Structure formats: structure tokens, C-alpha cells
Amino acid sequence: MAEAQSHKRKTFVGVLRRLAKKNKPVTIIITSGRNCCELTGCIGEIVGDEYITLINPNNVCDRTFIRIDCICAVIDETCGC
């Protein structure tokens, strides 16, 4: 069971790395208590498989640090889907 979870996590981190290379905005949906929260920006850094740095698109370089295990969904804004 733990091995399958580790494989899923590595696969998900790989997806995040590909999105970071695009250097385009994504929307990250995270769990926040009993609700969800939506944040948009560019993935600036991925630290191991622990957290990402999301750079907010407001021209002031605000950074939000998001634990990977809190991410519910990632929406690629450039997909057009």
C-alpha cells in the first residue's frame, strides 16, 4: 500500500515539474480545513516531494508555499479545456 502511494506521489510531482517548466499560470486547489481554497500563479519551485512555491501573478513576486499533500487538483490554465 505504501509503495503504491509513493509511486502516485512521484507521478504527481512529475506532473507538477512539467507544469513548472511551462512557466504559465495554473490554478491549485487545496484542502483548507473542511473546505477547499483556490490559488492561481506560476509554479516557481518544487522542494523534494514536500511543497511547491506558487508565484502569484500580481507583479510583486508574492510567494505562497503549498504542501503537496494538501493539493486536491491542478488546473492548467493554458490547456483550453
C-alpha atoms as a PDB file:
ATOM      1  CA  MET A   1       0.000   0.000   0.000  1.00  0.00           C
ATOM      2  CA  ALA A   2       2.733   2.479   0.962  1.00  0.00           C
ATOM      3  CA  GLU A   3       4.631   1.596  -2.217  1.00  0.00           C
ATOM      4  CA  ALA A   4       1.603   2.445  -4.385  1.00  0.00           C
ATOM      5  CA  GLN A   5       1.170   5.768  -2.547  1.00  0.00           C
ATOM      6  CA  SER A   6       4.845   6.570  -3.084  1.00  0.00           C
ATOM      7  CA  HIS A   7       4.514   5.841  -6.819  1.00  0.00           C
ATOM      8  CA  LYS A   8       1.401   8.063  -7.093  1.00  0.00           C
ATOM      9  CA  ARG A   9       3.169  10.878  -5.270  1.00  0.00           C
ATOM     10  CA  LYS A  10       6.232  10.653  -7.552  1.00  0.00           C
ATOM     11  CA  THR A  11       3.956  10.663 -10.609  1.00  0.00           C
ATOM     12  CA  PHE A  12       2.096  13.722  -9.298  1.00  0.00           C
ATOM     13  CA  VAL A  13       5.363  15.536  -8.550  1.00  0.00           C
ATOM     14  CA  GLY A  14       6.412  14.758 -12.140  1.00  0.00           C
ATOM     15  CA  VAL A  15       3.235  16.443 -13.409  1.00  0.00           C
ATOM     16  CA  LEU A  16       3.972  19.468 -11.219  1.00  0.00           C
ATOM     17  CA  ARG A  17       7.528  19.631 -12.607  1.00  0.00           C
ATOM     18  CA  ARG A  18       6.227  19.609 -16.203  1.00  0.00           C
ATOM     19  CA  LEU A  19       3.792  22.408 -15.362  1.00  0.00           C
ATOM     20  CA  ALA A  20       6.590  24.399 -13.694  1.00  0.00           C
ATOM     21  CA  LYS A  21       8.710  24.163 -16.866  1.00  0.00           C
ATOM     22  CA  LYS A  22       5.877  25.730 -18.886  1.00  0.00           C
ATOM     23  CA  ASN A  23       6.177  28.859 -16.708  1.00  0.00           C
ATOM     24  CA  LYS A  24       2.466  29.578 -17.251  1.00  0.00           C
ATOM     25  CA  PRO A  25      -0.268  30.185 -14.654  1.00  0.00           C
ATOM     26  CA  VAL A  26      -2.010  27.213 -13.075  1.00  0.00           C
ATOM     27  CA  THR A  27      -4.802  27.084 -10.539  1.00  0.00           C
ATOM     28  CA  ILE A  28      -4.085  24.966  -7.475  1.00  0.00           C
ATOM     29  CA  ILE A  29      -6.999  23.750  -5.365  1.00  0.00           C
ATOM     30  CA  ILE A  30      -6.006  22.814  -1.830  1.00  0.00           C
ATOM     31  CA  THR A  31      -7.794  21.480   1.199  1.00  0.00           C
ATOM     32  CA  SER A  32      -8.251  24.125   3.842  1.00  0.00           C
ATOM     33  CA  GLY A  33      -9.926  22.712   6.924  1.00  0.00           C
ATOM     34  CA  ARG A  34     -13.269  21.313   5.810  1.00  0.00           C
ATOM     35  CA  ASN A  35     -13.331  23.455   2.658  1.00  0.00           C
ATOM     36  CA  CYS A  36     -11.204  23.982  -0.419  1.00  0.00           C
ATOM     37  CA  CYS A  37      -9.230  27.036  -1.458  1.00  0.00           C
ATOM     38  CA  GLU A  38      -8.204  28.091  -4.973  1.00  0.00           C
ATOM     39  CA  LEU A  39      -4.877  29.802  -5.709  1.00  0.00           C
ATOM     40  CA  THR A  40      -3.554  30.876  -9.109  1.00  0.00           C
ATOM     41  CA  GLY A  41       0.022  31.562 -10.134  1.00  0.00           C
ATOM     42  CA  CYS A  42       3.135  30.034 -11.665  1.00  0.00           C
ATOM     43  CA  ILE A  43       4.928  27.147 -10.001  1.00  0.00           C
ATOM     44  CA  GLY A  44       8.286  28.614  -9.108  1.00  0.00           C
ATOM     45  CA  GLU A  45       9.952  25.815  -7.202  1.00  0.00           C
ATOM     46  CA  ILE A  46       9.287  22.252  -6.132  1.00  0.00           C
ATOM     47  CA  VAL A  47      11.134  21.218  -2.995  1.00  0.00           C
ATOM     48  CA  GLY A  48      11.588  17.457  -2.959  1.00  0.00           C
ATOM     49  CA  ASP A  49       8.142  15.952  -2.770  1.00  0.00           C
ATOM     50  CA  GLU A  50       7.128  18.136   0.170  1.00  0.00           C
ATOM     51  CA  TYR A  51       5.935  21.521  -1.088  1.00  0.00           C
ATOM     52  CA  ILE A  52       5.756  23.908  -4.029  1.00  0.00           C
ATOM     53  CA  THR A  53       6.248  27.637  -4.270  1.00  0.00           C
ATOM     54  CA  LEU A  54       3.476  29.361  -6.184  1.00  0.00           C
ATOM     55  CA  ILE A  55       4.368  32.818  -7.517  1.00  0.00           C
ATOM     56  CA  ASN A  56       1.284  34.994  -7.569  1.00  0.00           C
ATOM     57  CA  PRO A  57       0.667  36.904 -10.807  1.00  0.00           C
ATOM     58  CA  ASN A  58       0.444  40.378  -9.282  1.00  0.00           C
ATOM     59  CA  ASN A  59       3.875  41.665 -10.357  1.00  0.00           C
ATOM     60  CA  VAL A  60       5.136  41.879  -6.778  1.00  0.00           C
ATOM     61  CA  CYS A  61       6.572  38.369  -6.620  1.00  0.00           C
ATOM     62  CA  ASP A  62       4.397  37.258  -3.707  1.00  0.00           C
ATOM     63  CA  ARG A  63       5.080  33.621  -2.985  1.00  0.00           C
ATOM     64  CA  THR A  64       2.758  31.068  -1.466  1.00  0.00           C
ATOM     65  CA  PHE A  65       4.201  27.846  -0.065  1.00  0.00           C
ATOM     66  CA  ILE A  66       1.864  24.886  -0.547  1.00  0.00           C
ATOM     67  CA  ARG A  67       2.355  21.400   0.876  1.00  0.00           C
ATOM     68  CA  ILE A  68       1.961  18.878  -1.926  1.00  0.00           C
ATOM     69  CA  ASP A  69      -0.162  16.578   0.227  1.00  0.00           C
ATOM     70  CA  CYS A  70      -2.738  19.412   0.577  1.00  0.00           C
ATOM     71  CA  ILE A  71      -3.273  19.731  -3.193  1.00  0.00           C
ATOM     72  CA  CYS A  72      -6.623  18.354  -4.396  1.00  0.00           C
ATOM     73  CA  ALA A  73      -6.396  19.427  -8.041  1.00  0.00           C
ATOM     74  CA  VAL A  74      -4.304  21.372 -10.511  1.00  0.00           C
ATOM     75  CA  ILE A  75      -5.874  23.186 -13.447  1.00  0.00           C
ATOM     76  CA  ASP A  76      -3.610  24.020 -16.371  1.00  0.00           C
ATOM     77  CA  GLU A  77      -4.849  27.480 -17.424  1.00  0.00           C
ATOM     78  CA  THR A  78      -3.226  27.104 -20.875  1.00  0.00           C
ATOM     79  CA  CYS A  79      -4.981  23.849 -21.673  1.00  0.00           C
ATOM     80  CA  GLY A  80      -8.146  25.442 -23.029  1.00  0.00           C
ATOM     81  CA  CYS A  81     -10.198  22.505 -21.784  1.00  0.00           C
END
